[in-house]
C-alpha atoms as a PDB file:
ATOM      1  CA  MET A   1      67.484  19.149 143.142  1.00  0.00           C
ATOM      2  CA  ASN A   2      68.754  22.381 144.568  1.00  0.00           C
ATOM      3  CA  ILE A   3      71.969  24.288 143.899  1.00  0.00           C
ATOM      4  CA  THR A   4      73.675  22.905 147.029  1.00  0.00           C
ATOM      5  CA  PHE A   5      73.101  19.321 145.893  1.00  0.00           C
ATOM      6  CA  ILE A   6      74.385  20.085 142.376  1.00  0.00           C
ATOM      7  CA  THR A   7      77.443  21.910 143.745  1.00  0.00           C
ATOM      8  CA  ALA A   8      78.171  18.963 146.034  1.00  0.00           C
ATOM      9  CA  GLN A   9      78.011  16.591 143.064  1.00  0.00           C
ATOM     10  CA  ILE A  10      80.444  18.775 141.093  1.00  0.00           C
ATOM     11  CA  PHE A  11      82.928  18.776 143.999  1.00  0.00           C
ATOM     12  CA  GLY A  12      82.509  15.010 144.227  1.00  0.00           C
ATOM     13  CA  VAL A  13      83.259  14.507 140.530  1.00  0.00           C
ATOM     14  CA  LEU A  14      86.380  16.679 140.708  1.00  0.00           C
ATOM     15  CA  ALA A  15      87.570  14.845 143.819  1.00  0.00           C
ATOM     16  CA  SER A  16      86.962  11.520 142.131  1.00  0.00           C
ATOM     17  CA  LEU A  17      88.974  12.560 139.093  1.00  0.00           C
ATOM     18  CA  CYS A  18      91.878  13.310 141.438  1.00  0.00           C
ATOM     19  CA  LEU A  19      91.546   9.819 142.931  1.00  0.00           C
ATOM     20  CA  ILE A  20      91.675   8.262 139.494  1.00  0.00           C
ATOM     21  CA  GLY A  21      94.910  10.186 138.947  1.00  0.00           C
ATOM     22  CA  ALA A  22      96.234   8.882 142.266  1.00  0.00           C
ATOM     23  CA  SER A  23      95.498   5.278 141.342  1.00  0.00           C
ATOM     24  CA  LYS A  24      97.597   5.695 138.181  1.00  0.00           C
ATOM     25  CA  ALA A  25     100.534   7.237 140.046  1.00  0.00           C
ATOM     26  CA  LYS A  26     103.827   5.396 139.865  1.00  0.00           C
ATOM     27  CA  LYS A  27     105.613   7.591 142.400  1.00  0.00           C
ATOM     28  CA  LYS A  28     104.649   8.214 145.995  1.00  0.00           C
ATOM     29  CA  PHE A  29     104.736  12.052 145.812  1.00  0.00           C
ATOM     30  CA  GLU A  30     102.395  11.989 142.809  1.00  0.00           C
ATOM     31  CA  PHE A  31     100.063   9.667 144.710  1.00  0.00           C
ATOM     32  CA  LEU A  32     100.089  11.971 147.753  1.00  0.00           C
ATOM     33  CA  SER A  33      99.509  15.146 145.713  1.00  0.00           C
ATOM     34  CA  PHE A  34      96.446  13.727 143.982  1.00  0.00           C
ATOM     35  CA  ASN A  35      95.093  12.515 147.331  1.00  0.00           C
ATOM     36  CA  ILE A  36      95.520  15.924 148.981  1.00  0.00           C
ATOM     37  CA  ALA A  37      93.524  17.563 146.189  1.00  0.00           C
ATOM     38  CA  SER A  38      90.830  14.897 146.396  1.00  0.00           C
ATOM     39  CA  TYR A  39      90.506  15.251 150.183  1.00  0.00           C
ATOM     40  CA  VAL A  40      90.010  19.022 149.950  1.00  0.00           C
ATOM     41  CA  LEU A  41      87.307  18.568 147.326  1.00  0.00           C
ATOM     42  CA  PHE A  42      85.647  15.677 149.185  1.00  0.00           C
ATOM     43  CA  ILE A  43      85.470  17.715 152.400  1.00  0.00           C
ATOM     44  CA  PHE A  44      83.474  20.382 150.538  1.00  0.00           C
ATOM     45  CA  ASN A  45      81.402  17.713 148.784  1.00  0.00           C
ATOM     46  CA  LEU A  46      80.475  15.816 151.943  1.00  0.00           C
ATOM     47  CA  THR A  47      79.860  18.940 154.017  1.00  0.00           C
ATOM     48  CA  LEU A  48      77.388  20.216 151.430  1.00  0.00           C
ATOM     49  CA  LEU A  49      75.594  16.845 151.593  1.00  0.00           C
ATOM     50  CA  LYS A  50      75.565  17.015 155.409  1.00  0.00           C
ATOM     51  CA  ALA A  51      77.599  13.793 155.505  1.00  0.00           C
ATOM     52  CA  TYR A  52      79.657  15.121 158.401  1.00  0.00           C
ATOM     53  CA  SER A  53      81.253  11.805 159.378  1.00  0.00           C
ATOM     54  CA  GLY A  54      82.808  11.541 155.930  1.00  0.00           C
ATOM     55  CA  ALA A  55      83.878  15.192 155.917  1.00  0.00           C
ATOM     56  CA  LEU A  56      85.465  15.096 159.376  1.00  0.00           C
ATOM     57  CA  ASN A  57      87.143  11.759 158.784  1.00  0.00           C
ATOM     58  CA  SER A  58      88.615  13.147 155.579  1.00  0.00           C
ATOM     59  CA  LEU A  59      90.259  16.050 157.409  1.00  0.00           C
ATOM     60  CA  PHE A  60      92.728  14.084 159.557  1.00  0.00           C
ATOM     61  CA  PRO A  61      94.066  11.836 156.784  1.00  0.00           C
ATOM     62  CA  MET A  62      94.401  14.919 154.567  1.00  0.00           C
ATOM     63  CA  ILE A  63      96.623  16.616 157.152  1.00  0.00           C
ATOM     64  CA  LEU A  64      98.716  13.445 157.484  1.00  0.00           C
ATOM     65  CA  THR A  65      99.020  13.254 153.696  1.00  0.00           C
ATOM     66  CA  ILE A  66     100.267  16.857 153.558  1.00  0.00           C
ATOM     67  CA  MET A  67     102.845  16.059 156.240  1.00  0.00           C
ATOM     68  CA  CYS A  68     104.000  12.951 154.337  1.00  0.00           C
ATOM     69  CA  ALA A  69     104.261  14.922 151.099  1.00  0.00           C
ATOM     70  CA  ILE A  70     106.348  17.617 152.778  1.00  0.00           C
ATOM     71  CA  LYS A  71     108.470  15.532 155.147  1.00  0.00           C
ATOM     72  CA  GLY A  72     108.393  12.050 153.628  1.00  0.00           C
ATOM     73  CA  ASN A  73     107.069   8.877 155.255  1.00  0.00           C
ATOM     74  CA  ASP A  74     110.248   8.082 157.108  1.00  0.00           C
ATOM     75  CA  LYS A  75     110.070  11.431 158.952  1.00  0.00           C
ATOM     76  CA  ILE A  76     106.577  10.823 160.347  1.00  0.00           C
ATOM     77  CA  SER A  77     106.907   9.449 163.865  1.00  0.00           C
ATOM     78  CA  LYS A  78     104.883   6.552 165.217  1.00  0.00           C
ATOM     79  CA  ASN A  79     103.449   8.914 167.823  1.00  0.00           C
ATOM     80  CA  MET A  80     102.190  11.209 165.062  1.00  0.00           C
ATOM     81  CA  VAL A  81     100.524   8.243 163.336  1.00  0.00           C
ATOM     82  CA  ARG A  82      98.953   7.256 166.671  1.00  0.00           C
ATOM     83  CA  LEU A  83      97.700  10.827 167.147  1.00  0.00           C
ATOM     84  CA  PHE A  84      96.027  10.795 163.744  1.00  0.00           C
ATOM     85  CA  SER A  85      94.554   7.347 164.416  1.00  0.00           C
ATOM     86  CA  VAL A  86      93.063   8.545 167.705  1.00  0.00           C
ATOM     87  CA  SER A  87      91.780  11.696 165.980  1.00  0.00           C
ATOM     88  CA  VAL A  88      90.023   9.604 163.352  1.00  0.00           C
ATOM     89  CA  CYS A  89      88.502   7.444 166.097  1.00  0.00           C
ATOM     90  CA  LEU A  90      87.279  10.502 168.013  1.00  0.00           C
ATOM     91  CA  GLY A  91      85.915  11.996 164.809  1.00  0.00           C
ATOM     92  CA  GLY A  92      84.045   8.774 164.129  1.00  0.00           C
ATOM     93  CA  MET A  93      82.611   8.772 167.644  1.00  0.00           C
ATOM     94  CA  ALA A  94      81.613  12.440 167.455  1.00  0.00           C
ATOM     95  CA  THR A  95      79.759  12.014 164.168  1.00  0.00           C
ATOM     96  CA  TYR A  96      78.293   8.552 164.771  1.00  0.00           C
ATOM     97  CA  THR A  97      74.649   8.308 163.726  1.00  0.00           C
ATOM     98  CA  ASP A  98      74.342   4.745 162.426  1.00  0.00           C
ATOM     99  CA  ILE A  99      76.486   1.834 161.258  1.00  0.00           C
ATOM    100  CA  TYR A 100      77.066   3.525 157.897  1.00  0.00           C
ATOM    101  CA  SER A 101      78.646   6.547 159.536  1.00  0.00           C
ATOM    102  CA  LEU A 102      81.473   4.224 160.621  1.00  0.00           C
ATOM    103  CA  LEU A 103      82.495   3.510 157.008  1.00  0.00           C
ATOM    104  CA  PRO A 104      84.527   6.744 156.631  1.00  0.00           C
ATOM    105  CA  THR A 105      86.244   6.038 159.950  1.00  0.00           C
ATOM    106  CA  ILE A 106      87.315   2.579 158.800  1.00  0.00           C
ATOM    107  CA  ALA A 107      88.316   3.932 155.382  1.00  0.00           C
ATOM    108  CA  SER A 108      90.361   6.669 157.068  1.00  0.00           C
ATOM    109  CA  TYR A 109      92.230   4.115 159.192  1.00  0.00           C
ATOM    110  CA  ILE A 110      92.982   2.163 156.048  1.00  0.00           C
ATOM    111  CA  TYR A 111      94.156   5.354 154.383  1.00  0.00           C
ATOM    112  CA  ILE A 112      96.517   6.094 157.287  1.00  0.00           C
ATOM    113  CA  MET A 113      98.078   2.657 156.725  1.00  0.00           C
ATOM    114  CA  THR A 114      98.250   3.470 153.020  1.00  0.00           C
ATOM    115  CA  VAL A 115      99.931   6.822 153.423  1.00  0.00           C
ATOM    116  CA  ILE A 116     102.653   5.599 155.792  1.00  0.00           C
ATOM    117  CA  SER A 117     103.469   2.566 153.659  1.00  0.00           C
ATOM    118  CA  PRO A 118     106.492   2.854 151.361  1.00  0.00           C
ATOM    119  CA  ASN A 119     105.265  -0.169 149.373  1.00  0.00           C
ATOM    120  CA  MET A 120     103.191   0.833 146.311  1.00  0.00           C
ATOM    121  CA  GLU A 121     101.801  -2.716 145.986  1.00  0.00           C
ATOM    122  CA  ARG A 122     100.374  -2.520 149.503  1.00  0.00           C
ATOM    123  CA  ILE A 123      99.119   0.993 148.811  1.00  0.00           C
ATOM    124  CA  ARG A 124      97.177  -0.196 145.767  1.00  0.00           C
ATOM    125  CA  SER A 125      95.657  -3.148 147.691  1.00  0.00           C
ATOM    126  CA  LEU A 126      94.544  -0.946 150.588  1.00  0.00           C
ATOM    127  CA  THR A 127      93.159   1.622 148.145  1.00  0.00           C
ATOM    128  CA  ILE A 128      90.866  -1.048 146.693  1.00  0.00           C
ATOM    129  CA  VAL A 129      89.406  -1.812 150.139  1.00  0.00           C
ATOM    130  CA  SER A 130      89.047   1.877 150.974  1.00  0.00           C
ATOM    131  CA  ARG A 131      87.248   2.634 147.700  1.00  0.00           C
ATOM    132  CA  ILE A 132      84.704  -0.116 148.393  1.00  0.00           C
ATOM    133  CA  LEU A 133      83.893   1.436 151.779  1.00  0.00           C
ATOM    134  CA  TRP A 134      83.591   4.930 150.308  1.00  0.00           C
ATOM    135  CA  ALA A 135      81.372   3.646 147.470  1.00  0.00           C
ATOM    136  CA  ILE A 136      78.893   2.221 149.974  1.00  0.00           C
ATOM    137  CA  TYR A 137      78.949   5.433 152.042  1.00  0.00           C
ATOM    138  CA  ASP A 138      78.533   7.690 149.003  1.00  0.00           C
ATOM    139  CA  PHE A 139      75.590   5.676 147.717  1.00  0.00           C
ATOM    140  CA  ILE A 140      73.826   5.791 151.089  1.00  0.00           C
ATOM    141  CA  PHE A 141      74.326   9.573 151.394  1.00  0.00           C
ATOM    142  CA  MET A 142      73.005  10.176 147.855  1.00  0.00           C
ATOM    143  CA  ASN A 143      76.407  11.199 146.574  1.00  0.00           C
ATOM    144  CA  TYR A 144      75.505   9.472 143.321  1.00  0.00           C
ATOM    145  CA  LEU A 145      78.012  10.965 140.905  1.00  0.00           C
ATOM    146  CA  THR A 146      80.791  10.301 143.373  1.00  0.00           C
ATOM    147  CA  PHE A 147      79.490   6.752 143.753  1.00  0.00           C
ATOM    148  CA  VAL A 148      79.847   6.239 140.004  1.00  0.00           C
ATOM    149  CA  PHE A 149      83.372   7.584 140.188  1.00  0.00           C
ATOM    150  CA  ASP A 150      84.050   5.411 143.255  1.00  0.00           C
ATOM    151  CA  VAL A 151      83.288   2.409 141.076  1.00  0.00           C
ATOM    152  CA  ILE A 152      85.473   3.808 138.274  1.00  0.00           C
ATOM    153  CA  THR A 153      88.267   4.570 140.745  1.00  0.00           C
ATOM    154  CA  LEU A 154      87.906   1.089 142.215  1.00  0.00           C
ATOM    155  CA  LEU A 155      88.211  -0.448 138.755  1.00  0.00           C
ATOM    156  CA  SER A 156      91.159   1.830 138.006  1.00  0.00           C
ATOM    157  CA  ALA A 157      92.886   0.728 141.227  1.00  0.00           C
ATOM    158  CA  ILE A 158      92.240  -2.922 140.380  1.00  0.00           C
ATOM    159  CA  ILE A 159      93.687  -2.405 136.888  1.00  0.00           C
ATOM    160  CA  ALA A 160      96.734  -0.602 138.330  1.00  0.00           C
ATOM    161  CA  ALA A 161      97.278  -3.419 140.854  1.00  0.00           C
ATOM    162  CA  TRP A 162      96.999  -5.985 138.076  1.00  0.00           C
ATOM    163  CA  ARG A 163      99.314  -4.072 135.761  1.00  0.00           C
ATOM    164  CA  PHE A 164     102.000  -3.006 138.241  1.00  0.00           C
ATOM    165  CA  ASP A 165     101.843  -5.761 140.852  1.00  0.00           C
ATOM    166  CA  TYR A 166     100.494  -9.011 139.432  1.00  0.00           C
ATOM    167  CA  VAL A 167     101.530  -9.029 135.764  1.00  0.00           C
ATOM    168  CA  PRO A 168     105.246  -8.626 136.616  1.00  0.00           C
ATOM    169  CA  LYS A 169     104.982 -11.525 139.081  1.00  0.00           C
ATOM    170  CA  ILE A 170     103.248 -13.683 136.493  1.00  0.00           C
ATOM    171  CA  LYS A 171     105.889 -12.840 133.894  1.00  0.00           C
ATOM    172  CA  GLU A 172     108.646 -13.606 136.396  1.00  0.00           C
ATOM    173  CA  PHE A 173     107.015 -16.942 137.219  1.00  0.00           C
ATOM    174  CA  ILE A 174     106.666 -17.862 133.543  1.00  0.00           C
ATOM    175  CA  ILE A 175     110.269 -16.897 132.781  1.00  0.00           C
ATOM    176  CA  SER A 176     111.602 -18.870 135.762  1.00  0.00           C
ATOM    177  CA  LYS A 177     109.532 -21.884 134.703  1.00  0.00           C
ATOM    178  CA  GLU A 178     110.884 -21.656 131.120  1.00  0.00           C
ATOM    179  CA  ILE A 179     114.448 -21.404 132.424  1.00  0.00           C
ATOM    180  CA  LYS A 180     113.898 -24.554 134.504  1.00  0.00           C
ATOM    181  CA  GLN A 181     112.553 -26.373 131.440  1.00  0.00           C
ATOM    182  CA  ILE A 182     115.572 -25.340 129.334  1.00  0.00           C
ATOM    183  CA  SER A 183     118.109 -26.515 131.905  1.00  0.00           C
END
């Protein structure tokens, strides 16, 4: 192990910690702020590991996230979203080496859908899918500490989805069923 590899792992751990914070966010601005920090750190992490597809495909969603944090989702035009989608596609094509190099491109598309969505339930569901793709990519590119945190972040996102999205629906269902039984 050389110093570059160790430095990359440190950046990956810090970025992953930011993602864990994002998965626990209740408000959209909090979610976006944690994601911006994680993207900056992941770009350094992936560049040091020479995982250029991941680094490049992290840049465009990061810029979109900054714009959403500053302007708000409703101020981002459909043309701007299309521009970022095309940029991600071009970035994926430019850095294509094998099937695994497409994983960041797909994850970035999912993230674009996440960032423009006002619905936190949808955001959490898409985050779960995105984390699975990044976990596979990080493992393949020997980003092992980040892989461990990908799994932790994935579990954290699943717990957040359960806690904020599914438990309230279950409680509502149980209460409505009890009300029907009483009447």
